[in-house]
Amino acid sequence: MKRVLTVILALSLTTLTGAQKPADVEAETMAHFQALLRLDTSSPPGNETRAVEYLQGVFEKEGIPHQIFAKDKSRANIVARLKGNGKKRPILVMGHTDVVTVDPSKWTHPPFGAVRDGGYVYGRGTVDDKDNLVAGLMMMLMLKRGNVPLDRDVILLAEAGEEGAPDVGAQFMADHHLDAINAEFCFAEGGGVVRRAGKVVQANIGTTEKEPRFIELIARGPAGHGSVPSKGNAVTKLSAAVGKVATWSPPTRINETTASYFKKLATMVPADVAKMYRDILSPDPKVSRAAANWMLENQPSHWSMTHTSLVPTIIDGGFRYNVIPSEAKATVDVRLHPDEDQSVFLDQVRRVINDPDVEVRWGRERYRPAGGSRIDTEAFAVLEAQTRTHYDTFVLPTMGVGATDMSNIRAKGIPCYGIGPALDSEDSGKGFGAHSDQERILESELHRFVRFQYDVVLELARSK
């Protein structure tokens, strides 16, 4: 049956892309993918204009209208648009061109070599996010070459600065050039299909995400000689404050996405684990707290989906071993639940620390506002249907515990859904995941994702 389905999909793809055969599509996908991976767009400094210039050359050759927008000329964004008849509002597809920095000495394959080995492609950006970027590129090429009649405009935004600098990318575009990307629905990174032991087990569609901010804890006290103990030692006060914050568990919070996620997931796992997924949704605080404690111990990512998290990441204090410093500072990575009241959150942290000698403050202003997308939309229904067709698995609406550029687009009232290719759940533990030193993707799953995203957009945008 799967073989028949594969043939049907291949024939469909051939028809819709004119004379271009599926094998040719895959070869071209790989050529563009490797070319983009070999461009060092590490952020900082970014240099995403390198990728924009590559994409611009492709669009010019294919006759696809496009515009370039830049707050920083070295960190440009490019928008390509295929016009529809205007019966429906546009579809926006996003992929960011920047990647996180690398330590080349820790890589087996060159981080910007795009090496193919054993059915995988290795390189920085293979799963974050040049996979989504090349899928978006191929979608535009196939729609254009197939001369597909559209009820909607289809827009591709290749944005800069997703890795910590949205002010030059998605935020810049949303605040200053919204007319170029405004749409009814948006698709971007922030979801994906999960494989376990080589088999697809579920598909996660991102419908909301937590908001990243960090707080700073600053302890102060009298400086002194390290040979004389002091109860006012700033390092001691800071250590106690960090310990209190790290062990504090904010209240459990459930929203539409996480409620649907755990209800569905409870039908797919052993009975003892299913009980925990059902208990986390219980209105009884004792029941949900016990489930939360179990998740924190056994499945911390699921705990993070239902709580605001606080994780100490940086401690700074002192300059000599024999000098008690007058000040010590810790940075705490806070991922705020979308329902968290940030106007009172710092006061809650201050009460937990309970020390007037420790200042608690935000380390930066809000820059990725929390927001969500409903699951009762045409776009989500199509995502579910195409997931069944291409992956034959369940769809779970998911709240991301990290952060993506969808937050800036959702803030403008555009529903965004996170999608991505199938990845092996074992890969991250082996050091092959996003931001790792051996980032990689299966070639077969890259090609399957290209077909999946194309069919999703085709179903939503083509003239019926």
Foldseek 3Di string as FASTA:
>chain_A
DVVVLVVVLQVVLCLQQDNDGLVNLLVVLLVLLLVLLLDAQAPVVGQLVVVVVVLVVVCVVLVWDKDWDWPPNSFIKMKTKDAAPQQFWEEEEEFESYFHDADQVLAPDGQSRQDDDPQKTWHTCQVRTSLSVSLLSSLVNRCSSSVFHWNYMYMYMHFYDFPPGCCGTLLVCLVPPCVRGPGQAYEYADWEFEDEPRATAETEKEFWAFFKFKKKKKFFFDKDWQVDDDPSQRVVLVVLLQVLQQPDFDAFADDPQLLQQLVVVLVRDDVVLSCLSVQCPDPPRVSVVVSLVVCVVPPVQNNLQGGWHKAWDDKDDDDDPGMRGRMIMTMIIIGHDLPDDVVCVQVVSCVSSVDPRMDMDIPDDGDQHIDGADCPDPLNVLLQVLCCSLRVYYYRHGYHHPGGSVSSVVVSVHRYMHYGWYDYPCCVVVQQDHPGNTDMDRSVRSSSVSSSVSVSSCVVIGDD
